[in-house]
């Protein structure tokens, strides 16, 4: 019975997390659409996840394993930010 419980506990999926936010113009404060946002783990070799912000400047990454992430933002006409 104990062995079955331990085996079931090992099969449970690790929890995942989400990162979301809004990219805004640093001076005007208006949302920035079409900005490429990337999330890269700083603690393991997971591949980077990237997306482009919507018209309202929002982004949302789901299914991320626990850890620390570096976010970068790139958009035509602006210096890359990290």
PDB file of N, CA and C in Angstrom:
ATOM      1  N   UNK A   1       0.822  -1.190   0.000  1.00  0.00           N
ATOM      2  CA  UNK A   1       0.000   0.000   0.000  1.00  0.00           C
ATOM      3  C   UNK A   1       0.868   1.256   0.000  1.00  0.00           C
ATOM      4  N   UNK A   2       1.894   1.268   0.847  1.00  0.00           N
ATOM      5  CA  UNK A   2       2.787   2.436   0.910  1.00  0.00           C
ATOM      6  C   UNK A   2       3.537   2.586  -0.403  1.00  0.00           C
ATOM      7  N   UNK A   3       3.969   1.493  -0.996  1.00  0.00           N
ATOM      8  CA  UNK A   3       4.695   1.554  -2.263  1.00  0.00           C
ATOM      9  C   UNK A   3       3.813   2.144  -3.358  1.00  0.00           C
ATOM     10  N   UNK A   4       2.530   1.767  -3.387  1.00  0.00           N
ATOM     11  CA  UNK A   4       1.614   2.298  -4.393  1.00  0.00           C
ATOM     12  C   UNK A   4       1.433   3.804  -4.211  1.00  0.00           C
ATOM     13  N   UNK A   5       1.345   4.256  -2.972  1.00  0.00           N
ATOM     14  CA  UNK A   5       1.204   5.687  -2.698  1.00  0.00           C
ATOM     15  C   UNK A   5       2.448   6.444  -3.142  1.00  0.00           C
ATOM     16  N   UNK A   6       3.623   5.915  -2.836  1.00  0.00           N
ATOM     17  CA  UNK A   6       4.866   6.575  -3.240  1.00  0.00           C
ATOM     18  C   UNK A   6       4.981   6.636  -4.758  1.00  0.00           C
ATOM     19  N   UNK A   7       4.599   5.564  -5.442  1.00  0.00           N
ATOM     20  CA  UNK A   7       4.659   5.538  -6.899  1.00  0.00           C
ATOM     21  C   UNK A   7       3.701   6.577  -7.492  1.00  0.00           C
ATOM     22  N   UNK A   8       2.498   6.681  -6.945  1.00  0.00           N
ATOM     23  CA  UNK A   8       1.526   7.663  -7.419  1.00  0.00           C
ATOM     24  C   UNK A   8       2.040   9.075  -7.194  1.00  0.00           C
ATOM     25  N   UNK A   9       2.703   9.319  -6.069  1.00  0.00           N
ATOM     26  CA  UNK A   9       3.250  10.647  -5.785  1.00  0.00           C
ATOM     27  C   UNK A   9       4.343  11.010  -6.784  1.00  0.00           C
ATOM     28  N   UNK A  10       5.138  10.045  -7.197  1.00  0.00           N
ATOM     29  CA  UNK A  10       6.209  10.308  -8.162  1.00  0.00           C
ATOM     30  C   UNK A  10       5.656  10.622  -9.550  1.00  0.00           C
ATOM     31  N   UNK A  11       4.487  10.083  -9.884  1.00  0.00           N
ATOM     32  CA  UNK A  11       3.907  10.302 -11.204  1.00  0.00           C
ATOM     33  C   UNK A  11       3.200  11.645 -11.330  1.00  0.00           C
ATOM     34  N   UNK A  12       2.927  12.316 -10.231  1.00  0.00           N
ATOM     35  CA  UNK A  12       2.254  13.607 -10.313  1.00  0.00           C
ATOM     36  C   UNK A  12       3.147  14.616 -11.024  1.00  0.00           C
ATOM     37  N   UNK A  13       2.529  15.401 -11.861  1.00  0.00           N
ATOM     38  CA  UNK A  13       3.279  16.405 -12.621  1.00  0.00           C
ATOM     39  C   UNK A  13       3.730  17.536 -11.699  1.00  0.00           C
ATOM     40  N   UNK A  14       4.895  18.068 -11.992  1.00  0.00           N
ATOM     41  CA  UNK A  14       5.394  19.218 -11.230  1.00  0.00           C
ATOM     42  C   UNK A  14       4.511  20.420 -11.525  1.00  0.00           C
ATOM     43  N   UNK A  15       4.292  21.273 -10.529  1.00  0.00           N
ATOM     44  CA  UNK A  15       3.458  22.457 -10.776  1.00  0.00           C
ATOM     45  C   UNK A  15       4.121  23.392 -11.790  1.00  0.00           C
ATOM     46  N   UNK A  16       3.300  24.100 -12.521  1.00  0.00           N
ATOM     47  CA  UNK A  16       3.815  25.093 -13.465  1.00  0.00           C
ATOM     48  C   UNK A  16       3.280  26.462 -13.077  1.00  0.00           C
ATOM     49  N   UNK A  17       3.900  27.475 -13.628  1.00  0.00           N
ATOM     50  CA  UNK A  17       3.598  28.845 -13.247  1.00  0.00           C
ATOM     51  C   UNK A  17       3.429  29.710 -14.486  1.00  0.00           C
ATOM     52  N   UNK A  18       2.999  30.947 -14.279  1.00  0.00           N
ATOM     53  CA  UNK A  18       2.773  31.885 -15.383  1.00  0.00           C
ATOM     54  C   UNK A  18       3.451  33.216 -15.069  1.00  0.00           C
ATOM     55  N   UNK A  19       3.857  33.900 -16.122  1.00  0.00           N
ATOM     56  CA  UNK A  19       4.380  35.268 -16.026  1.00  0.00           C
ATOM     57  C   UNK A  19       3.566  36.094 -17.008  1.00  0.00           C
ATOM     58  N   UNK A  20       3.053  37.225 -16.558  1.00  0.00           N
ATOM     59  CA  UNK A  20       2.305  38.090 -17.462  1.00  0.00           C
ATOM     60  C   UNK A  20       2.572  39.540 -17.118  1.00  0.00           C
ATOM     61  N   UNK A  21       2.264  40.402 -18.050  1.00  0.00           N
ATOM     62  CA  UNK A  21       2.471  41.824 -17.823  1.00  0.00           C
ATOM     63  C   UNK A  21       2.058  42.638 -19.023  1.00  0.00           C
ATOM     64  N   UNK A  22       2.382  43.901 -18.967  1.00  0.00           N
ATOM     65  CA  UNK A  22       2.076  44.834 -20.044  1.00  0.00           C
ATOM     66  C   UNK A  22       3.324  45.645 -20.368  1.00  0.00           C
ATOM     67  N   UNK A  23       3.663  45.748 -21.642  1.00  0.00           N
ATOM     68  CA  UNK A  23       4.778  46.566 -22.090  1.00  0.00           C
ATOM     69  C   UNK A  23       4.242  47.955 -22.408  1.00  0.00           C
ATOM     70  N   UNK A  24       4.865  48.963 -21.818  1.00  0.00           N
ATOM     71  CA  UNK A  24       4.429  50.344 -22.052  1.00  0.00           C
ATOM     72  C   UNK A  24       5.607  51.196 -22.485  1.00  0.00           C
ATOM     73  N   UNK A  25       5.309  52.263 -23.202  1.00  0.00           N
ATOM     74  CA  UNK A  25       6.309  53.242 -23.627  1.00  0.00           C
ATOM     75  C   UNK A  25       6.860  53.914 -22.371  1.00  0.00           C
ATOM     76  N   UNK A  26       8.173  53.973 -22.242  1.00  0.00           N
ATOM     77  CA  UNK A  26       8.811  54.504 -21.041  1.00  0.00           C
ATOM     78  C   UNK A  26       8.500  55.955 -20.739  1.00  0.00           C
ATOM     79  N   UNK A  27       8.250  56.761 -21.751  1.00  0.00           N
ATOM     80  CA  UNK A  27       7.973  58.180 -21.547  1.00  0.00           C
ATOM     81  C   UNK A  27       6.476  58.469 -21.554  1.00  0.00           C
ATOM     82  N   UNK A  28       5.796  57.977 -22.560  1.00  0.00           N
ATOM     83  CA  UNK A  28       4.370  58.274 -22.727  1.00  0.00           C
ATOM     84  C   UNK A  28       3.474  57.408 -21.847  1.00  0.00           C
ATOM     85  N   UNK A  29       3.948  56.203 -21.482  1.00  0.00           N
ATOM     86  CA  UNK A  29       3.141  55.299 -20.674  1.00  0.00           C
ATOM     87  C   UNK A  29       2.065  54.558 -21.446  1.00  0.00           C
ATOM     88  N   UNK A  30       2.043  54.716 -22.768  1.00  0.00           N
ATOM     89  CA  UNK A  30       1.046  54.032 -23.588  1.00  0.00           C
ATOM     90  C   UNK A  30       1.489  52.594 -23.882  1.00  0.00           C
ATOM     91  N   UNK A  31       0.552  51.652 -24.050  1.00  0.00           N
ATOM     92  CA  UNK A  31       0.902  50.259 -24.349  1.00  0.00           C
ATOM     93  C   UNK A  31       1.637  50.143 -25.678  1.00  0.00           C
ATOM     94  N   UNK A  32       2.573  49.192 -25.729  1.00  0.00           N
ATOM     95  CA  UNK A  32       3.325  48.959 -26.966  1.00  0.00           C
ATOM     96  C   UNK A  32       2.962  47.602 -27.558  1.00  0.00           C
ATOM     97  N   UNK A  33       2.264  47.630 -28.682  1.00  0.00           N
ATOM     98  CA  UNK A  33       1.922  46.411 -29.416  1.00  0.00           C
ATOM     99  C   UNK A  33       3.124  45.955 -30.238  1.00  0.00           C
ATOM    100  N   UNK A  34       3.083  44.725 -30.678  1.00  0.00           N
ATOM    101  CA  UNK A  34       4.094  44.151 -31.575  1.00  0.00           C
ATOM    102  C   UNK A  34       5.503  44.192 -30.987  1.00  0.00           C
ATOM    103  N   UNK A  35       5.599  43.995 -29.680  1.00  0.00           N
ATOM    104  CA  UNK A  35       6.896  43.910 -28.999  1.00  0.00           C
ATOM    105  C   UNK A  35       7.185  42.448 -28.738  1.00  0.00           C
ATOM    106  N   UNK A  36       8.360  41.959 -29.154  1.00  0.00           N
ATOM    107  CA  UNK A  36       8.725  40.562 -28.904  1.00  0.00           C
ATOM    108  C   UNK A  36       9.260  40.447 -27.488  1.00  0.00           C
ATOM    109  N   UNK A  37       8.578  39.615 -26.681  1.00  0.00           N
ATOM    110  CA  UNK A  37       8.978  39.351 -25.305  1.00  0.00           C
ATOM    111  C   UNK A  37       9.496  37.923 -25.249  1.00  0.00           C
ATOM    112  N   UNK A  38      10.639  37.722 -24.595  1.00  0.00           N
ATOM    113  CA  UNK A  38      11.198  36.383 -24.411  1.00  0.00           C
ATOM    114  C   UNK A  38      11.414  36.137 -22.936  1.00  0.00           C
ATOM    115  N   UNK A  39      11.154  34.898 -22.515  1.00  0.00           N
ATOM    116  CA  UNK A  39      11.388  34.462 -21.136  1.00  0.00           C
ATOM    117  C   UNK A  39      12.404  33.332 -21.191  1.00  0.00           C
ATOM    118  N   UNK A  40      13.554  33.526 -20.533  1.00  0.00           N
ATOM    119  CA  UNK A  40      14.632  32.545 -20.537  1.00  0.00           C
ATOM    120  C   UNK A  40      14.947  32.178 -19.099  1.00  0.00           C
ATOM    121  N   UNK A  41      14.964  30.884 -18.805  1.00  0.00           N
ATOM    122  CA  UNK A  41      15.304  30.429 -17.460  1.00  0.00           C
ATOM    123  C   UNK A  41      16.761  30.756 -17.162  1.00  0.00           C
ATOM    124  N   UNK A  42      17.023  31.232 -15.941  1.00  0.00           N
ATOM    125  CA  UNK A  42      18.400  31.521 -15.543  1.00  0.00           C
ATOM    126  C   UNK A  42      19.007  30.381 -14.733  1.00  0.00           C
ATOM    127  N   UNK A  43      18.212  29.319 -14.464  1.00  0.00           N
ATOM    128  CA  UNK A  43      18.708  28.238 -13.621  1.00  0.00           C
ATOM    129  C   UNK A  43      18.817  26.898 -14.335  1.00  0.00           C
ATOM    130  N   UNK A  44      18.233  26.759 -15.515  1.00  0.00           N
ATOM    131  CA  UNK A  44      18.377  25.504 -16.244  1.00  0.00           C
ATOM    132  C   UNK A  44      18.434  25.800 -17.741  1.00  0.00           C
ATOM    133  N   UNK A  45      18.517  24.755 -18.513  1.00  0.00           N
ATOM    134  CA  UNK A  45      18.688  24.948 -19.959  1.00  0.00           C
ATOM    135  C   UNK A  45      17.371  24.817 -20.721  1.00  0.00           C
ATOM    136  N   UNK A  46      16.257  25.167 -20.091  1.00  0.00           N
ATOM    137  CA  UNK A  46      14.970  25.138 -20.789  1.00  0.00           C
ATOM    138  C   UNK A  46      15.020  26.097 -21.970  1.00  0.00           C
ATOM    139  N   UNK A  47      14.389  25.722 -23.085  1.00  0.00           N
ATOM    140  CA  UNK A  47      14.380  26.643 -24.230  1.00  0.00           C
ATOM    141  C   UNK A  47      13.602  27.914 -23.914  1.00  0.00           C
ATOM    142  N   UNK A  48      14.019  28.985 -24.533  1.00  0.00           N
ATOM    143  CA  UNK A  48      13.344  30.269 -24.336  1.00  0.00           C
ATOM    144  C   UNK A  48      11.946  30.206 -24.931  1.00  0.00           C
ATOM    145  N   UNK A  49      11.025  30.894 -24.291  1.00  0.00           N
ATOM    146  CA  UNK A  49       9.683  31.062 -24.843  1.00  0.00           C
ATOM    147  C   UNK A  49       9.563  32.506 -25.301  1.00  0.00           C
ATOM    148  N   UNK A  50       8.973  32.724 -26.457  1.00  0.00           N
ATOM    149  CA  UNK A  50       8.807  34.076 -26.992  1.00  0.00           C
ATOM    150  C   UNK A  50       7.385  34.274 -27.467  1.00  0.00           C
ATOM    151  N   UNK A  51       6.969  35.524 -27.462  1.00  0.00           N
ATOM    152  CA  UNK A  51       5.668  35.896 -27.993  1.00  0.00           C
ATOM    153  C   UNK A  51       5.701  37.369 -28.364  1.00  0.00           C
ATOM    154  N   UNK A  52       4.698  37.815 -29.102  1.00  0.00           N
ATOM    155  CA  UNK A  52       4.569  39.218 -29.496  1.00  0.00           C
ATOM    156  C   UNK A  52       3.367  39.785 -28.749  1.00  0.00           C
ATOM    157  N   UNK A  53       3.536  40.977 -28.190  1.00  0.00           N
ATOM    158  CA  UNK A  53       2.451  41.581 -27.429  1.00  0.00           C
ATOM    159  C   UNK A  53       1.260  41.908 -28.320  1.00  0.00           C
ATOM    160  N   UNK A  54       0.106  41.885 -27.690  1.00  0.00           N
ATOM    161  CA  UNK A  54      -1.142  42.218 -28.365  1.00  0.00           C
ATOM    162  C   UNK A  54      -1.253  43.734 -28.513  1.00  0.00           C
ATOM    163  N   UNK A  55      -2.347  44.195 -29.087  1.00  0.00           N
ATOM    164  CA  UNK A  55      -2.568  45.632 -29.307  1.00  0.00           C
ATOM    165  C   UNK A  55      -2.550  46.421 -28.004  1.00  0.00           C
ATOM    166  N   UNK A  56      -2.922  45.767 -26.904  1.00  0.00           N
ATOM    167  CA  UNK A  56      -2.933  46.445 -25.600  1.00  0.00           C
ATOM    168  C   UNK A  56      -1.606  46.303 -24.852  1.00  0.00           C
ATOM    169  N   UNK A  57      -0.567  45.765 -25.514  1.00  0.00           N
ATOM    170  CA  UNK A  57       0.760  45.626 -24.916  1.00  0.00           C
ATOM    171  C   UNK A  57       0.923  44.461 -23.965  1.00  0.00           C
ATOM    172  N   UNK A  58      -0.110  43.642 -23.830  1.00  0.00           N
ATOM    173  CA  UNK A  58      -0.066  42.549 -22.853  1.00  0.00           C
ATOM    174  C   UNK A  58       0.638  41.314 -23.401  1.00  0.00           C
ATOM    175  N   UNK A  59       1.268  40.571 -22.463  1.00  0.00           N
ATOM    176  CA  UNK A  59       1.871  39.282 -22.773  1.00  0.00           C
ATOM    177  C   UNK A  59       1.558  38.325 -21.634  1.00  0.00           C
ATOM    178  N   UNK A  60       1.618  37.011 -21.935  1.00  0.00           N
ATOM    179  CA  UNK A  60       1.318  36.006 -20.919  1.00  0.00           C
ATOM    180  C   UNK A  60       2.023  34.706 -21.294  1.00  0.00           C
ATOM    181  N   UNK A  61       2.903  34.235 -20.411  1.00  0.00           N
ATOM    182  CA  UNK A  61       3.571  32.947 -20.579  1.00  0.00           C
ATOM    183  C   UNK A  61       2.953  31.975 -19.588  1.00  0.00           C
ATOM    184  N   UNK A  62       2.580  30.775 -20.039  1.00  0.00           N
ATOM    185  CA  UNK A  62       2.001  29.749 -19.181  1.00  0.00           C
ATOM    186  C   UNK A  62       2.852  28.496 -19.207  1.00  0.00           C
ATOM    187  N   UNK A  63       2.653  27.660 -18.219  1.00  0.00           N
ATOM    188  CA  UNK A  63       3.308  26.354 -18.191  1.00  0.00           C
ATOM    189  C   UNK A  63       4.791  26.410 -17.895  1.00  0.00           C
ATOM    190  N   UNK A  64       5.240  27.434 -17.200  1.00  0.00           N
ATOM    191  CA  UNK A  64       6.666  27.559 -16.882  1.00  0.00           C
ATOM    192  C   UNK A  64       7.011  26.761 -15.632  1.00  0.00           C
ATOM    193  N   UNK A  65       8.109  26.004 -15.661  1.00  0.00           N
ATOM    194  CA  UNK A  65       8.533  25.328 -14.436  1.00  0.00           C
ATOM    195  C   UNK A  65       9.024  26.356 -13.416  1.00  0.00           C
ATOM    196  N   UNK A  66       9.003  25.981 -12.152  1.00  0.00           N
ATOM    197  CA  UNK A  66       9.482  26.879 -11.092  1.00  0.00           C
ATOM    198  C   UNK A  66      10.917  27.294 -11.381  1.00  0.00           C
ATOM    199  N   UNK A  67      11.259  28.521 -11.082  1.00  0.00           N
ATOM    200  CA  UNK A  67      12.616  29.005 -11.291  1.00  0.00           C
ATOM    201  C   UNK A  67      12.655  30.499 -11.488  1.00  0.00           C
ATOM    202  N   UNK A  68      13.823  30.975 -11.834  1.00  0.00           N
ATOM    203  CA  UNK A  68      14.026  32.392 -12.117  1.00  0.00           C
ATOM    204  C   UNK A  68      14.127  32.567 -13.623  1.00  0.00           C
ATOM    205  N   UNK A  69      13.569  33.674 -14.118  1.00  0.00           N
ATOM    206  CA  UNK A  69      13.534  33.935 -15.548  1.00  0.00           C
ATOM    207  C   UNK A  69      14.023  35.334 -15.845  1.00  0.00           C
ATOM    208  N   UNK A  70      14.661  35.463 -16.996  1.00  0.00           N
ATOM    209  CA  UNK A  70      15.078  36.773 -17.499  1.00  0.00           C
ATOM    210  C   UNK A  70      14.136  37.124 -18.638  1.00  0.00           C
ATOM    211  N   UNK A  71      13.502  38.284 -18.538  1.00  0.00           N
ATOM    212  CA  UNK A  71      12.612  38.746 -19.595  1.00  0.00           C
ATOM    213  C   UNK A  71      13.331  39.780 -20.443  1.00  0.00           C
ATOM    214  N   UNK A  72      13.182  39.670 -21.753  1.00  0.00           N
ATOM    215  CA  UNK A  72      13.735  40.668 -22.654  1.00  0.00           C
ATOM    216  C   UNK A  72      12.625  41.156 -23.568  1.00  0.00           C
ATOM    217  N   UNK A  73      12.759  42.398 -24.012  1.00  0.00           N
ATOM    218  CA  UNK A  73      11.774  43.001 -24.905  1.00  0.00           C
ATOM    219  C   UNK A  73      12.499  43.655 -26.066  1.00  0.00           C
ATOM    220  N   UNK A  74      11.999  43.425 -27.283  1.00  0.00           N
ATOM    221  CA  UNK A  74      12.570  44.015 -28.490  1.00  0.00           C
ATOM    222  C   UNK A  74      11.448  44.523 -29.379  1.00  0.00           C
ATOM    223  N   UNK A  75      11.631  45.743 -29.876  1.00  0.00           N
ATOM    224  CA  UNK A  75      10.649  46.319 -30.800  1.00  0.00           C
ATOM    225  C   UNK A  75      11.373  47.275 -31.738  1.00  0.00           C
ATOM    226  N   UNK A  76      10.967  47.278 -32.991  1.00  0.00           N
ATOM    227  CA  UNK A  76      11.556  48.153 -33.990  1.00  0.00           C
ATOM    228  C   UNK A  76      11.462  49.613 -33.519  1.00  0.00           C
ATOM    229  N   UNK A  77      12.573  50.324 -33.574  1.00  0.00           N
ATOM    230  CA  UNK A  77      12.599  51.728 -33.186  1.00  0.00           C
ATOM    231  C   UNK A  77      12.967  51.958 -31.717  1.00  0.00           C
ATOM    232  N   UNK A  78      13.180  50.865 -30.952  1.00  0.00           N
ATOM    233  CA  UNK A  78      13.529  50.973 -29.544  1.00  0.00           C
ATOM    234  C   UNK A  78      14.772  50.125 -29.263  1.00  0.00           C
ATOM    235  N   UNK A  79      15.535  50.504 -28.244  1.00  0.00           N
ATOM    236  CA  UNK A  79      16.674  49.705 -27.805  1.00  0.00           C
ATOM    237  C   UNK A  79      16.153  48.470 -27.086  1.00  0.00           C
ATOM    238  N   UNK A  80      16.798  47.308 -27.286  1.00  0.00           N
ATOM    239  CA  UNK A  80      16.375  46.111 -26.554  1.00  0.00           C
ATOM    240  C   UNK A  80      16.462  46.338 -25.035  1.00  0.00           C
ATOM    241  N   UNK A  81      15.526  45.782 -24.315  1.00  0.00           N
ATOM    242  CA  UNK A  81      15.477  45.921 -22.861  1.00  0.00           C
ATOM    243  C   UNK A  81      15.498  44.547 -22.222  1.00  0.00           C
ATOM    244  N   UNK A  82      16.052  44.462 -21.040  1.00  0.00           N
ATOM    245  CA  UNK A  82      16.104  43.206 -20.307  1.00  0.00           C
ATOM    246  C   UNK A  82      15.860  43.420 -18.846  1.00  0.00           C
TER     247      UNK A  82
END
